[in-house]
């Protein structure tokens, strides 16, 4: 007769949050030496940017990434609350798969809280967590969504019902983006 004994193994891990919030002006100036340039050199980067931001800064963003040694792909999204969905996250994951992002690749979100949340959530679930960089461009993004660690999407008429907590590799807070916001957005 085999006698079975019960035992319990308890594992615990404390999780430290460790990332930098860098305050900079003129982030996409190719002449500026920033941590962004350092983080992106020799990497494959999937950049997701708000359509409105791309209309204003698209050339600067393109020229910046052309000036450094990296492979990048830029995708524009209409950043409205109705698009803060799991479908948007999965479409970003599909772009990442087609672009063949690997474990050392980087996601980058450029825009307000909607962009930062869906890009962060895609980074959280793609290949079981890829690094991502947040570049907030709205007032709320600069003081809230950009520097926090929440990632998520709306689901079944509930705001941010699906998601998690996943810190970015870095946040680049460039207050000069505020100059192009409508007065009502400030």
C-alpha atoms as a PDB file:
ATOM      1  CA  UNK A   1       0.000   0.000   0.000  1.00  0.00           C
ATOM      2  CA  UNK A   2       1.277   3.467  -0.980  1.00  0.00           C
ATOM      3  CA  UNK A   3       0.760   6.127   1.574  1.00  0.00           C
ATOM      4  CA  UNK A   4       0.233   9.598   0.133  1.00  0.00           C
ATOM      5  CA  UNK A   5       1.293  12.628   2.073  1.00  0.00           C
ATOM      6  CA  UNK A   6       0.142  16.079   1.272  1.00  0.00           C
ATOM      7  CA  UNK A   7       2.509  18.969   1.237  1.00  0.00           C
ATOM      8  CA  UNK A   8       2.339  22.554   0.092  1.00  0.00           C
ATOM      9  CA  UNK A   9       5.030  24.493  -1.664  1.00  0.00           C
ATOM     10  CA  UNK A  10       4.566  28.240  -1.432  1.00  0.00           C
ATOM     11  CA  UNK A  11       6.430  30.472  -3.870  1.00  0.00           C
ATOM     12  CA  UNK A  12       6.549  34.216  -3.667  1.00  0.00           C
ATOM     13  CA  UNK A  13       8.297  36.914  -5.582  1.00  0.00           C
ATOM     14  CA  UNK A  14       8.302  40.600  -5.009  1.00  0.00           C
ATOM     15  CA  UNK A  15       8.108  42.545  -8.225  1.00  0.00           C
ATOM     16  CA  UNK A  16      10.131  45.719  -8.453  1.00  0.00           C
ATOM     17  CA  UNK A  17       9.134  48.426 -10.865  1.00  0.00           C
ATOM     18  CA  UNK A  18      12.129  49.942 -12.523  1.00  0.00           C
ATOM     19  CA  UNK A  19      11.920  52.286 -15.495  1.00  0.00           C
ATOM     20  CA  UNK A  20      12.937  55.790 -16.361  1.00  0.00           C
ATOM     21  CA  UNK A  21      10.776  58.796 -17.136  1.00  0.00           C
ATOM     22  CA  UNK A  22      12.954  61.100 -19.188  1.00  0.00           C
ATOM     23  CA  UNK A  23      12.003  64.757 -19.597  1.00  0.00           C
ATOM     24  CA  UNK A  24      13.260  66.124 -22.896  1.00  0.00           C
ATOM     25  CA  UNK A  25      12.388  68.800 -25.423  1.00  0.00           C
ATOM     26  CA  UNK A  26      12.569  68.204 -29.169  1.00  0.00           C
ATOM     27  CA  UNK A  27      12.756  64.428 -28.767  1.00  0.00           C
ATOM     28  CA  UNK A  28      12.730  63.667 -32.494  1.00  0.00           C
ATOM     29  CA  UNK A  29      15.614  65.934 -33.389  1.00  0.00           C
ATOM     30  CA  UNK A  30      18.145  63.655 -35.155  1.00  0.00           C
ATOM     31  CA  UNK A  31      20.987  65.737 -33.714  1.00  0.00           C
ATOM     32  CA  UNK A  32      19.960  65.152 -30.108  1.00  0.00           C
ATOM     33  CA  UNK A  33      21.726  62.400 -28.213  1.00  0.00           C
ATOM     34  CA  UNK A  34      19.089  60.825 -25.999  1.00  0.00           C
ATOM     35  CA  UNK A  35      18.431  57.539 -24.286  1.00  0.00           C
ATOM     36  CA  UNK A  36      15.829  56.918 -26.999  1.00  0.00           C
ATOM     37  CA  UNK A  37      18.551  56.743 -29.622  1.00  0.00           C
ATOM     38  CA  UNK A  38      20.586  54.459 -27.369  1.00  0.00           C
ATOM     39  CA  UNK A  39      17.647  52.110 -26.687  1.00  0.00           C
ATOM     40  CA  UNK A  40      16.653  51.853 -30.360  1.00  0.00           C
ATOM     41  CA  UNK A  41      20.045  51.401 -32.003  1.00  0.00           C
ATOM     42  CA  UNK A  42      20.432  47.963 -33.602  1.00  0.00           C
ATOM     43  CA  UNK A  43      16.859  47.000 -32.667  1.00  0.00           C
ATOM     44  CA  UNK A  44      13.708  46.127 -34.552  1.00  0.00           C
ATOM     45  CA  UNK A  45      10.961  48.551 -33.520  1.00  0.00           C
ATOM     46  CA  UNK A  46       7.233  48.522 -34.208  1.00  0.00           C
ATOM     47  CA  UNK A  47       5.997  52.088 -33.817  1.00  0.00           C
ATOM     48  CA  UNK A  48       2.279  52.720 -33.341  1.00  0.00           C
ATOM     49  CA  UNK A  49       1.328  56.380 -33.569  1.00  0.00           C
ATOM     50  CA  UNK A  50      -1.909  58.335 -33.306  1.00  0.00           C
ATOM     51  CA  UNK A  51      -3.027  59.467 -36.794  1.00  0.00           C
ATOM     52  CA  UNK A  52      -3.377  63.069 -35.598  1.00  0.00           C
ATOM     53  CA  UNK A  53       0.157  63.077 -34.214  1.00  0.00           C
ATOM     54  CA  UNK A  54       1.496  61.531 -37.408  1.00  0.00           C
ATOM     55  CA  UNK A  55      -0.058  64.331 -39.486  1.00  0.00           C
ATOM     56  CA  UNK A  56       1.860  66.896 -37.432  1.00  0.00           C
ATOM     57  CA  UNK A  57       5.093  65.035 -36.610  1.00  0.00           C
ATOM     58  CA  UNK A  58       5.234  62.221 -39.182  1.00  0.00           C
ATOM     59  CA  UNK A  59       8.174  63.648 -41.135  1.00  0.00           C
ATOM     60  CA  UNK A  60      10.171  64.319 -37.960  1.00  0.00           C
ATOM     61  CA  UNK A  61       9.489  60.812 -36.656  1.00  0.00           C
ATOM     62  CA  UNK A  62      10.420  59.203 -39.999  1.00  0.00           C
ATOM     63  CA  UNK A  63      13.604  61.277 -40.316  1.00  0.00           C
ATOM     64  CA  UNK A  64      14.589  60.500 -36.739  1.00  0.00           C
ATOM     65  CA  UNK A  65      14.370  56.741 -37.194  1.00  0.00           C
ATOM     66  CA  UNK A  66      16.070  56.905 -40.593  1.00  0.00           C
ATOM     67  CA  UNK A  67      19.000  58.653 -38.886  1.00  0.00           C
ATOM     68  CA  UNK A  68      19.706  55.847 -36.404  1.00  0.00           C
ATOM     69  CA  UNK A  69      20.771  52.274 -36.955  1.00  0.00           C
ATOM     70  CA  UNK A  70      17.493  50.400 -36.452  1.00  0.00           C
ATOM     71  CA  UNK A  71      14.859  48.562 -38.428  1.00  0.00           C
ATOM     72  CA  UNK A  72      11.443  50.118 -37.875  1.00  0.00           C
ATOM     73  CA  UNK A  73       7.876  50.016 -39.089  1.00  0.00           C
ATOM     74  CA  UNK A  74       5.361  52.797 -38.406  1.00  0.00           C
ATOM     75  CA  UNK A  75       1.617  52.187 -38.170  1.00  0.00           C
ATOM     76  CA  UNK A  76      -1.037  54.832 -37.652  1.00  0.00           C
ATOM     77  CA  UNK A  77      -4.176  54.306 -35.571  1.00  0.00           C
ATOM     78  CA  UNK A  78      -7.235  56.466 -35.130  1.00  0.00           C
ATOM     79  CA  UNK A  79      -6.945  56.894 -31.367  1.00  0.00           C
ATOM     80  CA  UNK A  80     -10.557  57.203 -30.292  1.00  0.00           C
ATOM     81  CA  UNK A  81     -12.244  55.493 -27.346  1.00  0.00           C
ATOM     82  CA  UNK A  82     -14.238  53.254 -29.716  1.00  0.00           C
ATOM     83  CA  UNK A  83     -10.932  51.747 -30.941  1.00  0.00           C
ATOM     84  CA  UNK A  84      -9.596  50.943 -27.458  1.00  0.00           C
ATOM     85  CA  UNK A  85     -10.504  47.292 -27.944  1.00  0.00           C
ATOM     86  CA  UNK A  86      -9.042  43.826 -27.910  1.00  0.00           C
ATOM     87  CA  UNK A  87      -9.374  43.840 -31.708  1.00  0.00           C
ATOM     88  CA  UNK A  88      -6.969  46.801 -31.865  1.00  0.00           C
ATOM     89  CA  UNK A  89      -4.506  44.994 -29.596  1.00  0.00           C
ATOM     90  CA  UNK A  90      -4.716  41.847 -31.735  1.00  0.00           C
ATOM     91  CA  UNK A  91      -4.207  43.867 -34.922  1.00  0.00           C
ATOM     92  CA  UNK A  92      -1.012  45.312 -33.399  1.00  0.00           C
ATOM     93  CA  UNK A  93       0.067  41.769 -32.475  1.00  0.00           C
ATOM     94  CA  UNK A  94      -0.589  40.721 -36.080  1.00  0.00           C
ATOM     95  CA  UNK A  95       1.567  43.615 -37.322  1.00  0.00           C
ATOM     96  CA  UNK A  96       4.293  42.511 -34.895  1.00  0.00           C
ATOM     97  CA  UNK A  97       4.128  38.924 -36.139  1.00  0.00           C
ATOM     98  CA  UNK A  98       4.250  40.020 -39.786  1.00  0.00           C
ATOM     99  CA  UNK A  99       7.166  42.360 -38.998  1.00  0.00           C
ATOM    100  CA  UNK A 100       8.822  39.374 -37.282  1.00  0.00           C
ATOM    101  CA  UNK A 101       9.472  40.979 -33.929  1.00  0.00           C
ATOM    102  CA  UNK A 102      11.756  38.852 -31.780  1.00  0.00           C
ATOM    103  CA  UNK A 103      12.318  38.739 -28.012  1.00  0.00           C
ATOM    104  CA  UNK A 104      14.799  41.650 -28.176  1.00  0.00           C
ATOM    105  CA  UNK A 105      12.522  43.849 -30.316  1.00  0.00           C
ATOM    106  CA  UNK A 106      10.634  46.878 -29.035  1.00  0.00           C
ATOM    107  CA  UNK A 107       7.090  48.200 -29.293  1.00  0.00           C
ATOM    108  CA  UNK A 108       6.700  51.979 -29.191  1.00  0.00           C
ATOM    109  CA  UNK A 109       3.533  53.983 -28.618  1.00  0.00           C
ATOM    110  CA  UNK A 110       3.379  57.649 -29.609  1.00  0.00           C
ATOM    111  CA  UNK A 111       0.162  59.417 -28.662  1.00  0.00           C
ATOM    112  CA  UNK A 112      -2.305  59.837 -25.832  1.00  0.00           C
ATOM    113  CA  UNK A 113      -3.567  57.353 -23.277  1.00  0.00           C
ATOM    114  CA  UNK A 114      -5.495  55.234 -25.783  1.00  0.00           C
ATOM    115  CA  UNK A 115      -2.407  54.537 -27.891  1.00  0.00           C
ATOM    116  CA  UNK A 116      -0.228  53.963 -24.831  1.00  0.00           C
ATOM    117  CA  UNK A 117      -2.733  51.522 -23.300  1.00  0.00           C
ATOM    118  CA  UNK A 118      -3.270  49.393 -26.405  1.00  0.00           C
ATOM    119  CA  UNK A 119       0.413  49.305 -27.391  1.00  0.00           C
ATOM    120  CA  UNK A 120       1.381  48.444 -23.822  1.00  0.00           C
ATOM    121  CA  UNK A 121      -1.203  45.660 -23.720  1.00  0.00           C
ATOM    122  CA  UNK A 122       0.048  44.284 -27.053  1.00  0.00           C
ATOM    123  CA  UNK A 123       3.613  44.329 -25.671  1.00  0.00           C
ATOM    124  CA  UNK A 124       2.343  42.596 -22.511  1.00  0.00           C
ATOM    125  CA  UNK A 125       0.826  39.651 -24.396  1.00  0.00           C
ATOM    126  CA  UNK A 126       3.057  39.347 -27.491  1.00  0.00           C
ATOM    127  CA  UNK A 127       5.730  36.682 -26.958  1.00  0.00           C
ATOM    128  CA  UNK A 128       4.934  36.841 -23.242  1.00  0.00           C
ATOM    129  CA  UNK A 129       6.131  40.425 -22.748  1.00  0.00           C
ATOM    130  CA  UNK A 130       8.229  42.440 -25.136  1.00  0.00           C
ATOM    131  CA  UNK A 131       9.822  45.714 -24.109  1.00  0.00           C
ATOM    132  CA  UNK A 132       7.942  48.858 -24.997  1.00  0.00           C
ATOM    133  CA  UNK A 133       8.545  52.586 -24.926  1.00  0.00           C
ATOM    134  CA  UNK A 134       5.882  55.188 -24.188  1.00  0.00           C
ATOM    135  CA  UNK A 135       5.963  58.631 -25.771  1.00  0.00           C
ATOM    136  CA  UNK A 136       2.906  60.539 -24.498  1.00  0.00           C
ATOM    137  CA  UNK A 137       1.732  63.520 -26.532  1.00  0.00           C
ATOM    138  CA  UNK A 138      -1.297  64.765 -24.562  1.00  0.00           C
ATOM    139  CA  UNK A 139      -1.574  66.510 -21.221  1.00  0.00           C
ATOM    140  CA  UNK A 140      -3.204  63.493 -19.576  1.00  0.00           C
ATOM    141  CA  UNK A 141      -0.598  61.284 -21.240  1.00  0.00           C
ATOM    142  CA  UNK A 142       2.268  63.348 -19.835  1.00  0.00           C
ATOM    143  CA  UNK A 143       0.995  63.319 -16.257  1.00  0.00           C
ATOM    144  CA  UNK A 144      -0.995  60.085 -16.018  1.00  0.00           C
ATOM    145  CA  UNK A 145      -1.210  57.430 -18.744  1.00  0.00           C
ATOM    146  CA  UNK A 146       2.356  57.959 -19.940  1.00  0.00           C
ATOM    147  CA  UNK A 147       4.020  57.415 -16.588  1.00  0.00           C
ATOM    148  CA  UNK A 148       1.755  54.716 -15.120  1.00  0.00           C
ATOM    149  CA  UNK A 149       2.010  50.973 -15.585  1.00  0.00           C
ATOM    150  CA  UNK A 150      -1.614  50.099 -16.414  1.00  0.00           C
ATOM    151  CA  UNK A 151      -2.208  48.624 -19.847  1.00  0.00           C
ATOM    152  CA  UNK A 152      -5.617  47.618 -21.066  1.00  0.00           C
ATOM    153  CA  UNK A 153      -8.661  47.968 -23.225  1.00  0.00           C
ATOM    154  CA  UNK A 154     -12.394  48.470 -22.868  1.00  0.00           C
ATOM    155  CA  UNK A 155     -14.643  45.411 -23.020  1.00  0.00           C
ATOM    156  CA  UNK A 156     -18.427  44.955 -23.094  1.00  0.00           C
ATOM    157  CA  UNK A 157     -19.107  48.633 -22.376  1.00  0.00           C
ATOM    158  CA  UNK A 158     -16.711  48.654 -19.409  1.00  0.00           C
ATOM    159  CA  UNK A 159     -13.664  50.903 -19.411  1.00  0.00           C
ATOM    160  CA  UNK A 160     -10.296  49.143 -19.015  1.00  0.00           C
ATOM    161  CA  UNK A 161     -11.901  45.839 -18.042  1.00  0.00           C
ATOM    162  CA  UNK A 162      -9.185  43.755 -19.750  1.00  0.00           C
ATOM    163  CA  UNK A 163      -5.547  44.455 -19.060  1.00  0.00           C
ATOM    164  CA  UNK A 164      -2.730  44.238 -16.642  1.00  0.00           C
ATOM    165  CA  UNK A 165       0.181  46.092 -15.121  1.00  0.00           C
ATOM    166  CA  UNK A 166       3.334  46.201 -17.189  1.00  0.00           C
ATOM    167  CA  UNK A 167       5.996  48.836 -16.849  1.00  0.00           C
ATOM    168  CA  UNK A 168       7.578  50.321 -19.963  1.00  0.00           C
ATOM    169  CA  UNK A 169      11.261  50.175 -20.751  1.00  0.00           C
ATOM    170  CA  UNK A 170      11.207  53.982 -20.643  1.00  0.00           C
ATOM    171  CA  UNK A 171       8.901  56.976 -20.955  1.00  0.00           C
ATOM    172  CA  UNK A 172       9.927  60.076 -22.881  1.00  0.00           C
ATOM    173  CA  UNK A 173       8.009  63.144 -21.689  1.00  0.00           C
ATOM    174  CA  UNK A 174       8.403  65.929 -24.238  1.00  0.00           C
ATOM    175  CA  UNK A 175       6.224  68.873 -23.218  1.00  0.00           C
ATOM    176  CA  UNK A 176       6.697  70.501 -26.626  1.00  0.00           C
ATOM    177  CA  UNK A 177       3.959  68.155 -27.908  1.00  0.00           C
ATOM    178  CA  UNK A 178       1.505  70.273 -25.893  1.00  0.00           C
ATOM    179  CA  UNK A 179       2.097  73.190 -28.278  1.00  0.00           C
ATOM    180  CA  UNK A 180       0.068  71.464 -30.986  1.00  0.00           C
ATOM    181  CA  UNK A 181      -2.931  70.513 -28.836  1.00  0.00           C
ATOM    182  CA  UNK A 182      -6.264  72.280 -29.199  1.00  0.00           C
ATOM    183  CA  UNK A 183      -7.005  74.657 -26.343  1.00  0.00           C
ATOM    184  CA  UNK A 184      -9.925  72.422 -25.253  1.00  0.00           C
ATOM    185  CA  UNK A 185      -7.520  69.498 -24.823  1.00  0.00           C
ATOM    186  CA  UNK A 186      -5.405  71.487 -22.389  1.00  0.00           C
END
